[in-house]
Amino acid sequence: MLEIRDLTVAYGDLVALRQVSLSLSEGEMLGVVGPNGSGKSTLIRAITRVVRPRSGAIRLDGRDATRLSQRELAQRVAVVPQNPYLPDAFTALEVALMGRTPHLGLLQSEGRADLAAVRRALEQTDTWHLATRRAGELSGGERQRVVVARALAQEAPILLLDEPTAHLDVGHQATVLDLVRRLCRESGADTRPRAVLAVVHDLTLAAQYCDRLVMLNDGRVAAEGKPYEVLSPEILASVYGTRVWVFPHPLTGRPVVTPMSETFRPAPTKSGW
């Protein structure tokens, strides 16, 4: 659904991405990880044409993304930005309704199908009870979930999430990521599985929810593969410049990453009490 080949993006003399290549398939959740300033958010901006690449190609369902109109692009790709702007006077319902804009004609009002899609998105993100609340009255976590609802209401086959769990407590982190992962798997008579590219800061969360990981460092792909292939102590030490422990989750078997503290002392065993 999404194919990127040899993508290079620069801000003036600062090169943010250097010949990055990756692919994303229907039904897949791809995590993009890496240190601050490694180019993760720039990748999303390039896909959505917020920034123009210096070179390389981006294809959506086989079509050159640069040849799509803005409306066609929005019908194919929905975005949850890292620091979204929400007009304080807009209600949560009005914010979510913005997601239906790509499906409306000029001066066309929302119909029953649009309102149904928005209600479904608000319910999925546990924000329907906030529908009449104004954005300026919402907490950071509530605002973030409303922004996720706006993206879901767009009903685009590709979701780009830039730190989707920012400002969320652990309960709502699980709610949002469980929902996104479920969207990758579900299909029906009128729907197809989504493809999700998520920039995730928390390496353990990324490992638990993503099918594959791409690790960026200094604008380049430093590693790519299954979470256990990418999140090795050696790769993490090289990319992040710090030592970590990586061990399998006791239930899922997926990697759990924790910093190696110099003050760490092993927990006593039963025989050590």
C-alpha atoms as a PDB file:
ATOM      1  CA  MET A   1       0.000   0.000   0.000  1.00  0.00           C
ATOM      2  CA  LEU A   2       2.905   2.328   0.769  1.00  0.00           C
ATOM      3  CA  GLU A   3       6.314   2.093  -0.837  1.00  0.00           C
ATOM      4  CA  ILE A   4       9.194   4.495  -0.225  1.00  0.00           C
ATOM      5  CA  ARG A   5      12.400   4.255  -2.202  1.00  0.00           C
ATOM      6  CA  ASP A   6      15.664   6.171  -1.624  1.00  0.00           C
ATOM      7  CA  LEU A   7      13.903   9.096   0.054  1.00  0.00           C
ATOM      8  CA  THR A   8      16.094  12.077   0.908  1.00  0.00           C
ATOM      9  CA  VAL A   9      14.661  15.153   2.652  1.00  0.00           C
ATOM     10  CA  ALA A  10      16.541  18.285   3.680  1.00  0.00           C
ATOM     11  CA  TYR A  11      15.736  21.511   5.483  1.00  0.00           C
ATOM     12  CA  GLY A  12      18.154  23.852   3.782  1.00  0.00           C
ATOM     13  CA  ASP A  13      21.613  22.427   4.423  1.00  0.00           C
ATOM     14  CA  LEU A  14      20.351  20.050   7.118  1.00  0.00           C
ATOM     15  CA  VAL A  15      19.659  16.605   5.701  1.00  0.00           C
ATOM     16  CA  ALA A  16      16.903  14.973   7.779  1.00  0.00           C
ATOM     17  CA  LEU A  17      16.432  11.742   5.799  1.00  0.00           C
ATOM     18  CA  ARG A  18      19.104  10.017   3.730  1.00  0.00           C
ATOM     19  CA  GLN A  19      18.031   7.494   1.075  1.00  0.00           C
ATOM     20  CA  VAL A  20      15.394   5.861   3.261  1.00  0.00           C
ATOM     21  CA  SER A  21      13.526   2.901   1.794  1.00  0.00           C
ATOM     22  CA  LEU A  22      10.648   0.998   3.383  1.00  0.00           C
ATOM     23  CA  SER A  23       7.330  -0.623   2.548  1.00  0.00           C
ATOM     24  CA  LEU A  24       4.006  -1.039   4.328  1.00  0.00           C
ATOM     25  CA  SER A  25       1.432  -3.683   3.462  1.00  0.00           C
ATOM     26  CA  GLU A  26      -2.293  -3.957   4.081  1.00  0.00           C
ATOM     27  CA  GLY A  27      -2.995  -5.454   7.492  1.00  0.00           C
ATOM     28  CA  GLU A  28       0.422  -4.511   8.852  1.00  0.00           C
ATOM     29  CA  MET A  29       1.438  -2.261  11.730  1.00  0.00           C
ATOM     30  CA  LEU A  30       4.930  -0.873  11.129  1.00  0.00           C
ATOM     31  CA  GLY A  31       6.695   0.936  13.962  1.00  0.00           C
ATOM     32  CA  VAL A  32       9.255   3.652  13.284  1.00  0.00           C
ATOM     33  CA  VAL A  33      11.649   4.118  16.196  1.00  0.00           C
ATOM     34  CA  GLY A  34      14.900   5.948  16.826  1.00  0.00           C
ATOM     35  CA  PRO A  35      16.480   8.732  18.877  1.00  0.00           C
ATOM     36  CA  ASN A  36      15.228  12.307  18.922  1.00  0.00           C
ATOM     37  CA  GLY A  37      16.138  14.077  15.704  1.00  0.00           C
ATOM     38  CA  SER A  38      16.581  10.858  13.726  1.00  0.00           C
ATOM     39  CA  GLY A  39      14.002  11.830  11.081  1.00  0.00           C
ATOM     40  CA  LYS A  40      10.890   9.978  12.265  1.00  0.00           C
ATOM     41  CA  SER A  41       8.449  12.913  12.072  1.00  0.00           C
ATOM     42  CA  THR A  42      10.051  14.142   8.840  1.00  0.00           C
ATOM     43  CA  LEU A  43       9.182  10.790   7.264  1.00  0.00           C
ATOM     44  CA  ILE A  44       5.476  11.380   7.974  1.00  0.00           C
ATOM     45  CA  ARG A  45       5.693  14.971   6.725  1.00  0.00           C
ATOM     46  CA  ALA A  46       7.232  13.756   3.470  1.00  0.00           C
ATOM     47  CA  ILE A  47       4.533  11.128   2.891  1.00  0.00           C
ATOM     48  CA  THR A  48       1.813  13.747   3.405  1.00  0.00           C
ATOM     49  CA  ARG A  49       3.624  16.365   1.283  1.00  0.00           C
ATOM     50  CA  VAL A  50       4.106  18.803   4.149  1.00  0.00           C
ATOM     51  CA  VAL A  51       7.747  18.835   3.069  1.00  0.00           C
ATOM     52  CA  ARG A  52       9.068  18.170  -0.418  1.00  0.00           C
ATOM     53  CA  PRO A  53      11.732  15.459  -0.785  1.00  0.00           C
ATOM     54  CA  ARG A  54      15.020  16.320  -2.394  1.00  0.00           C
ATOM     55  CA  SER A  55      14.997  12.934  -4.149  1.00  0.00           C
ATOM     56  CA  GLY A  56      13.387   9.516  -4.033  1.00  0.00           C
ATOM     57  CA  ALA A  57       9.896   8.158  -4.633  1.00  0.00           C
ATOM     58  CA  ILE A  58       6.723   7.653  -2.570  1.00  0.00           C
ATOM     59  CA  ARG A  59       3.983   5.424  -3.982  1.00  0.00           C
ATOM     60  CA  LEU A  60       0.498   4.844  -2.561  1.00  0.00           C
ATOM     61  CA  ASP A  61      -1.306   1.793  -3.924  1.00  0.00           C
ATOM     62  CA  GLY A  62       1.125   1.866  -6.823  1.00  0.00           C
ATOM     63  CA  ARG A  63       0.510   5.531  -7.677  1.00  0.00           C
ATOM     64  CA  ASP A  64       3.064   8.309  -7.469  1.00  0.00           C
ATOM     65  CA  ALA A  65       2.028  10.341  -4.410  1.00  0.00           C
ATOM     66  CA  THR A  66       3.131  13.592  -6.069  1.00  0.00           C
ATOM     67  CA  ARG A  67       0.506  13.093  -8.795  1.00  0.00           C
ATOM     68  CA  LEU A  68      -2.395  12.807  -6.368  1.00  0.00           C
ATOM     69  CA  SER A  69      -4.564  15.802  -5.588  1.00  0.00           C
ATOM     70  CA  GLN A  70      -4.712  16.886  -1.956  1.00  0.00           C
ATOM     71  CA  ARG A  71      -8.209  15.419  -1.712  1.00  0.00           C
ATOM     72  CA  GLU A  72      -7.096  12.091  -3.230  1.00  0.00           C
ATOM     73  CA  LEU A  73      -4.173  11.981  -0.816  1.00  0.00           C
ATOM     74  CA  ALA A  74      -6.482  12.641   2.157  1.00  0.00           C
ATOM     75  CA  GLN A  75      -8.818   9.873   1.029  1.00  0.00           C
ATOM     76  CA  ARG A  76      -5.902   7.438   1.143  1.00  0.00           C
ATOM     77  CA  VAL A  77      -3.904   8.642   4.155  1.00  0.00           C
ATOM     78  CA  ALA A  78      -5.043   9.850   7.591  1.00  0.00           C
ATOM     79  CA  VAL A  79      -2.593  11.400  10.051  1.00  0.00           C
ATOM     80  CA  VAL A  80      -2.375  11.812  13.801  1.00  0.00           C
ATOM     81  CA  PRO A  81       0.300  14.544  14.160  1.00  0.00           C
ATOM     82  CA  GLN A  82       2.617  14.855  17.122  1.00  0.00           C
ATOM     83  CA  ASN A  83       1.448  18.308  18.203  1.00  0.00           C
ATOM     84  CA  PRO A  84      -1.992  18.846  16.670  1.00  0.00           C
ATOM     85  CA  TYR A  85      -3.624  22.255  16.667  1.00  0.00           C
ATOM     86  CA  LEU A  86      -7.275  22.232  17.720  1.00  0.00           C
ATOM     87  CA  PRO A  87      -9.411  25.389  17.710  1.00  0.00           C
ATOM     88  CA  ASP A  88     -10.398  25.867  21.348  1.00  0.00           C
ATOM     89  CA  ALA A  89     -13.986  26.813  20.463  1.00  0.00           C
ATOM     90  CA  PHE A  90     -14.643  23.645  18.449  1.00  0.00           C
ATOM     91  CA  THR A  91     -16.415  20.764  20.164  1.00  0.00           C
ATOM     92  CA  ALA A  92     -14.963  17.267  20.080  1.00  0.00           C
ATOM     93  CA  LEU A  93     -17.732  16.313  17.643  1.00  0.00           C
ATOM     94  CA  GLU A  94     -16.820  19.180  15.303  1.00  0.00           C
ATOM     95  CA  VAL A  95     -13.147  18.224  15.452  1.00  0.00           C
ATOM     96  CA  ALA A  96     -13.936  14.615  14.548  1.00  0.00           C
ATOM     97  CA  LEU A  97     -16.214  15.791  11.724  1.00  0.00           C
ATOM     98  CA  MET A  98     -13.159  17.411  10.104  1.00  0.00           C
ATOM     99  CA  GLY A  99     -12.099  13.876   9.222  1.00  0.00           C
ATOM    100  CA  ARG A 100     -15.006  13.619   6.783  1.00  0.00           C
ATOM    101  CA  THR A 101     -13.884  16.632   4.700  1.00  0.00           C
ATOM    102  CA  PRO A 102     -12.111  14.554   1.992  1.00  0.00           C
ATOM    103  CA  HIS A 103     -15.380  12.712   1.329  1.00  0.00           C
ATOM    104  CA  LEU A 104     -17.523  15.837   0.860  1.00  0.00           C
ATOM    105  CA  GLY A 105     -18.040  17.926  -2.226  1.00  0.00           C
ATOM    106  CA  LEU A 106     -17.743  21.704  -2.325  1.00  0.00           C
ATOM    107  CA  LEU A 107     -20.187  23.246   0.202  1.00  0.00           C
ATOM    108  CA  GLN A 108     -21.645  19.787   0.868  1.00  0.00           C
ATOM    109  CA  SER A 109     -22.906  19.090   4.402  1.00  0.00           C
ATOM    110  CA  GLU A 110     -22.327  15.882   6.316  1.00  0.00           C
ATOM    111  CA  GLY A 111     -24.961  13.185   5.847  1.00  0.00           C
ATOM    112  CA  ARG A 112     -26.045  10.206   7.896  1.00  0.00           C
ATOM    113  CA  ALA A 113     -23.092   8.079   6.790  1.00  0.00           C
ATOM    114  CA  ASP A 114     -20.657  10.812   7.837  1.00  0.00           C
ATOM    115  CA  LEU A 115     -22.270  11.268  11.234  1.00  0.00           C
ATOM    116  CA  ALA A 116     -22.302   7.501  11.748  1.00  0.00           C
ATOM    117  CA  ALA A 117     -18.591   7.277  10.911  1.00  0.00           C
ATOM    118  CA  VAL A 118     -17.788  10.077  13.373  1.00  0.00           C
ATOM    119  CA  ARG A 119     -19.856   8.573  16.174  1.00  0.00           C
ATOM    120  CA  ARG A 120     -18.164   5.203  15.594  1.00  0.00           C
ATOM    121  CA  ALA A 121     -14.721   6.838  15.758  1.00  0.00           C
ATOM    122  CA  LEU A 122     -15.551   8.720  18.960  1.00  0.00           C
ATOM    123  CA  GLU A 123     -16.902   5.564  20.569  1.00  0.00           C
ATOM    124  CA  GLN A 124     -13.846   3.570  19.517  1.00  0.00           C
ATOM    125  CA  THR A 125     -11.563   6.109  21.209  1.00  0.00           C
ATOM    126  CA  ASP A 126     -13.760   6.416  24.318  1.00  0.00           C
ATOM    127  CA  THR A 127     -14.550  10.070  23.583  1.00  0.00           C
ATOM    128  CA  TRP A 128     -18.246  10.002  22.626  1.00  0.00           C
ATOM    129  CA  HIS A 129     -19.120  11.377  26.062  1.00  0.00           C
ATOM    130  CA  LEU A 130     -16.934  14.393  25.193  1.00  0.00           C
ATOM    131  CA  ALA A 131     -18.814  15.163  21.960  1.00  0.00           C
ATOM    132  CA  THR A 132     -20.262  18.477  23.194  1.00  0.00           C
ATOM    133  CA  ARG A 133     -17.182  19.571  25.125  1.00  0.00           C
ATOM    134  CA  ARG A 134     -15.024  22.281  23.572  1.00  0.00           C
ATOM    135  CA  ALA A 135     -11.410  21.462  22.716  1.00  0.00           C
ATOM    136  CA  GLY A 136     -10.182  24.202  25.048  1.00  0.00           C
ATOM    137  CA  GLU A 137     -11.862  22.386  27.939  1.00  0.00           C
ATOM    138  CA  LEU A 138     -10.217  19.017  27.290  1.00  0.00           C
ATOM    139  CA  SER A 139      -7.146  17.595  28.977  1.00  0.00           C
ATOM    140  CA  GLY A 140      -4.067  16.733  26.928  1.00  0.00           C
ATOM    141  CA  GLY A 141      -4.997  13.054  26.881  1.00  0.00           C
ATOM    142  CA  GLU A 142      -8.599  13.775  25.890  1.00  0.00           C
ATOM    143  CA  ARG A 143      -7.460  16.049  23.071  1.00  0.00           C
ATOM    144  CA  GLN A 144      -5.097  13.340  21.814  1.00  0.00           C
ATOM    145  CA  ARG A 145      -7.878  10.753  21.709  1.00  0.00           C
ATOM    146  CA  VAL A 146     -10.161  13.172  19.847  1.00  0.00           C
ATOM    147  CA  VAL A 147      -7.412  13.683  17.259  1.00  0.00           C
ATOM    148  CA  VAL A 148      -7.152   9.905  16.854  1.00  0.00           C
ATOM    149  CA  ALA A 149     -10.953   9.828  16.404  1.00  0.00           C
ATOM    150  CA  ARG A 150     -10.677  12.481  13.678  1.00  0.00           C
ATOM    151  CA  ALA A 151      -8.191  10.284  11.811  1.00  0.00           C
ATOM    152  CA  LEU A 152     -10.373   7.190  12.199  1.00  0.00           C
ATOM    153  CA  ALA A 153     -13.432   9.104  10.944  1.00  0.00           C
ATOM    154  CA  GLN A 154     -11.488   9.807   7.760  1.00  0.00           C
ATOM    155  CA  GLU A 155     -11.724   6.071   6.968  1.00  0.00           C
ATOM    156  CA  ALA A 156      -8.496   6.127   4.972  1.00  0.00           C
ATOM    157  CA  PRO A 157      -6.814   2.762   4.306  1.00  0.00           C
ATOM    158  CA  ILE A 158      -3.446   4.065   5.550  1.00  0.00           C
ATOM    159  CA  LEU A 159      -2.961   5.562   9.025  1.00  0.00           C
ATOM    160  CA  LEU A 160       0.157   7.555   9.904  1.00  0.00           C
ATOM    161  CA  LEU A 161       0.548   8.053  13.641  1.00  0.00           C
ATOM    162  CA  ASP A 162       3.208  10.361  15.060  1.00  0.00           C
ATOM    163  CA  GLU A 163       3.508   9.479  18.768  1.00  0.00           C
ATOM    164  CA  PRO A 164      -0.171   8.445  19.037  1.00  0.00           C
ATOM    165  CA  THR A 165       0.090   7.705  22.769  1.00  0.00           C
ATOM    166  CA  ALA A 166       1.599  11.065  23.738  1.00  0.00           C
ATOM    167  CA  HIS A 167      -0.150  12.539  26.808  1.00  0.00           C
ATOM    168  CA  LEU A 168      -2.081   9.300  27.413  1.00  0.00           C
ATOM    169  CA  ASP A 169      -2.091   7.339  30.646  1.00  0.00           C
ATOM    170  CA  VAL A 170      -1.229   3.646  30.520  1.00  0.00           C
ATOM    171  CA  GLY A 171      -4.892   2.613  30.271  1.00  0.00           C
ATOM    172  CA  HIS A 172      -5.639   4.779  27.258  1.00  0.00           C
ATOM    173  CA  GLN A 173      -2.278   3.894  25.670  1.00  0.00           C
ATOM    174  CA  ALA A 174      -3.457   0.298  25.614  1.00  0.00           C
ATOM    175  CA  THR A 175      -6.935   1.320  24.386  1.00  0.00           C
ATOM    176  CA  VAL A 176      -5.584   3.308  21.423  1.00  0.00           C
ATOM    177  CA  LEU A 177      -2.901   0.799  20.414  1.00  0.00           C
ATOM    178  CA  ASP A 178      -5.265  -2.177  20.792  1.00  0.00           C
ATOM    179  CA  LEU A 179      -7.740  -0.341  18.557  1.00  0.00           C
ATOM    180  CA  VAL A 180      -5.121   0.495  15.920  1.00  0.00           C
ATOM    181  CA  ARG A 181      -3.844  -3.074  15.875  1.00  0.00           C
ATOM    182  CA  ARG A 182      -7.409  -4.380  15.557  1.00  0.00           C
ATOM    183  CA  LEU A 183      -8.011  -2.092  12.565  1.00  0.00           C
ATOM    184  CA  CYS A 184      -5.050  -3.765  10.876  1.00  0.00           C
ATOM    185  CA  ARG A 185      -6.674  -7.150  11.299  1.00  0.00           C
ATOM    186  CA  GLU A 186     -10.382  -6.544  10.754  1.00  0.00           C
ATOM    187  CA  SER A 187     -12.188  -6.619   7.435  1.00  0.00           C
ATOM    188  CA  GLY A 188     -15.801  -6.793   6.385  1.00  0.00           C
ATOM    189  CA  ALA A 189     -18.155  -6.357   3.480  1.00  0.00           C
ATOM    190  CA  ASP A 190     -17.490  -2.616   3.290  1.00  0.00           C
ATOM    191  CA  THR A 191     -14.063  -2.401   4.894  1.00  0.00           C
ATOM    192  CA  ARG A 192     -10.546  -3.654   4.349  1.00  0.00           C
ATOM    193  CA  PRO A 193      -7.723  -4.011   6.879  1.00  0.00           C
ATOM    194  CA  ARG A 194      -5.835  -0.772   7.465  1.00  0.00           C
ATOM    195  CA  ALA A 195      -2.114  -0.321   7.045  1.00  0.00           C
ATOM    196  CA  VAL A 196      -0.534   1.578   9.944  1.00  0.00           C
ATOM    197  CA  LEU A 197       2.804   3.358  10.211  1.00  0.00           C
ATOM    198  CA  ALA A 198       3.355   4.534  13.762  1.00  0.00           C
ATOM    199  CA  VAL A 199       6.188   6.601  15.161  1.00  0.00           C
ATOM    200  CA  VAL A 200       6.597   5.267  18.686  1.00  0.00           C
ATOM    201  CA  HIS A 201       8.953   6.659  21.321  1.00  0.00           C
ATOM    202  CA  ASP A 202       8.521   3.812  23.815  1.00  0.00           C
ATOM    203  CA  LEU A 203      10.523   0.853  22.494  1.00  0.00           C
ATOM    204  CA  THR A 204       8.713  -1.699  24.641  1.00  0.00           C
ATOM    205  CA  LEU A 205       5.298  -0.482  23.442  1.00  0.00           C
ATOM    206  CA  ALA A 206       6.540  -0.594  19.857  1.00  0.00           C
ATOM    207  CA  ALA A 207       7.731  -4.169  20.331  1.00  0.00           C
ATOM    208  CA  GLN A 208       4.454  -5.327  21.846  1.00  0.00           C
ATOM    209  CA  TYR A 209       2.159  -3.899  19.163  1.00  0.00           C
ATOM    210  CA  CYS A 210       4.087  -3.652  15.884  1.00  0.00           C
ATOM    211  CA  ASP A 211       4.613  -6.431  13.354  1.00  0.00           C
ATOM    212  CA  ARG A 212       7.889  -4.922  12.145  1.00  0.00           C
ATOM    213  CA  LEU A 213      10.157  -2.082  13.201  1.00  0.00           C
ATOM    214  CA  VAL A 214      12.283   0.360  11.232  1.00  0.00           C
ATOM    215  CA  MET A 215      14.931   2.083  13.322  1.00  0.00           C
ATOM    216  CA  LEU A 216      16.204   5.444  12.076  1.00  0.00           C
ATOM    217  CA  ASN A 217      19.446   7.038  13.171  1.00  0.00           C
ATOM    218  CA  ASP A 218      20.851  10.267  11.760  1.00  0.00           C
ATOM    219  CA  GLY A 219      18.268  10.112   8.973  1.00  0.00           C
ATOM    220  CA  ARG A 220      19.267   6.617   7.820  1.00  0.00           C
ATOM    221  CA  VAL A 221      17.739   3.180   8.316  1.00  0.00           C
ATOM    222  CA  ALA A 222      19.920   1.639  11.014  1.00  0.00           C
ATOM    223  CA  ALA A 223      17.927  -1.596  11.343  1.00  0.00           C
ATOM    224  CA  GLU A 224      14.737  -3.187  10.034  1.00  0.00           C
ATOM    225  CA  GLY A 225      12.899  -6.399  10.859  1.00  0.00           C
ATOM    226  CA  LYS A 226      10.906  -8.146  13.539  1.00  0.00           C
ATOM    227  CA  PRO A 227      11.015  -6.454  16.971  1.00  0.00           C
ATOM    228  CA  TYR A 228      13.410  -9.059  18.383  1.00  0.00           C
ATOM    229  CA  GLU A 229      15.744  -8.516  15.419  1.00  0.00           C
ATOM    230  CA  VAL A 230      15.832  -4.721  15.751  1.00  0.00           C
ATOM    231  CA  LEU A 231      15.770  -4.317  19.535  1.00  0.00           C
ATOM    232  CA  SER A 232      18.999  -6.093  20.355  1.00  0.00           C
ATOM    233  CA  PRO A 233      21.316  -4.693  23.069  1.00  0.00           C
ATOM    234  CA  GLU A 234      24.059  -4.251  20.471  1.00  0.00           C
ATOM    235  CA  ILE A 235      21.937  -2.239  18.024  1.00  0.00           C
ATOM    236  CA  LEU A 236      20.400  -0.134  20.800  1.00  0.00           C
ATOM    237  CA  ALA A 237      23.809   0.632  22.319  1.00  0.00           C
ATOM    238  CA  SER A 238      25.099   1.706  18.908  1.00  0.00           C
ATOM    239  CA  VAL A 239      22.089   3.883  18.037  1.00  0.00           C
ATOM    240  CA  TYR A 240      21.165   5.350  21.437  1.00  0.00           C
ATOM    241  CA  GLY A 241      24.656   5.420  22.935  1.00  0.00           C
ATOM    242  CA  THR A 242      23.585   3.701  26.128  1.00  0.00           C
ATOM    243  CA  ARG A 243      23.501   0.194  27.527  1.00  0.00           C
ATOM    244  CA  VAL A 244      20.132  -1.498  28.003  1.00  0.00           C
ATOM    245  CA  TRP A 245      18.694  -4.786  29.107  1.00  0.00           C
ATOM    246  CA  VAL A 246      16.456  -6.584  26.628  1.00  0.00           C
ATOM    247  CA  PHE A 247      14.468  -9.570  27.834  1.00  0.00           C
ATOM    248  CA  PRO A 248      11.341 -11.420  26.634  1.00  0.00           C
ATOM    249  CA  HIS A 249       7.965 -10.425  28.022  1.00  0.00           C
ATOM    250  CA  PRO A 250       6.764 -13.279  30.252  1.00  0.00           C
ATOM    251  CA  LEU A 251       3.419 -13.551  28.400  1.00  0.00           C
ATOM    252  CA  THR A 252       4.052 -12.417  24.811  1.00  0.00           C
ATOM    253  CA  GLY A 253       7.719 -13.275  24.440  1.00  0.00           C
ATOM    254  CA  ARG A 254       8.277  -9.931  22.727  1.00  0.00           C
ATOM    255  CA  PRO A 255      11.212  -7.704  23.725  1.00  0.00           C
ATOM    256  CA  VAL A 256      11.068  -5.533  26.825  1.00  0.00           C
ATOM    257  CA  VAL A 257      13.685  -2.772  26.910  1.00  0.00           C
ATOM    258  CA  THR A 258      14.913  -1.094  30.079  1.00  0.00           C
ATOM    259  CA  PRO A 259      17.945   1.152  30.684  1.00  0.00           C
ATOM    260  CA  MET A 260      20.928  -0.407  32.402  1.00  0.00           C
ATOM    261  CA  SER A 261      21.341   1.694  35.539  1.00  0.00           C
ATOM    262  CA  GLU A 262      24.669   1.774  37.330  1.00  0.00           C
ATOM    263  CA  THR A 263      22.764   1.812  40.634  1.00  0.00           C
ATOM    264  CA  PHE A 264      20.839  -1.331  39.746  1.00  0.00           C
ATOM    265  CA  ARG A 265      20.964  -4.119  42.279  1.00  0.00           C
ATOM    266  CA  PRO A 266      19.508  -7.542  41.439  1.00  0.00           C
ATOM    267  CA  ALA A 267      16.348  -8.424  43.363  1.00  0.00           C
ATOM    268  CA  PRO A 268      17.009 -11.028  46.047  1.00  0.00           C
ATOM    269  CA  THR A 269      15.958 -14.575  45.302  1.00  0.00           C
ATOM    270  CA  LYS A 270      14.005 -16.652  47.782  1.00  0.00           C
ATOM    271  CA  SER A 271      17.229 -18.236  48.899  1.00  0.00           C
ATOM    272  CA  GLY A 272      18.718 -14.782  49.452  1.00  0.00           C
ATOM    273  CA  TRP A 273      16.180 -13.673  52.044  1.00  0.00           C
END
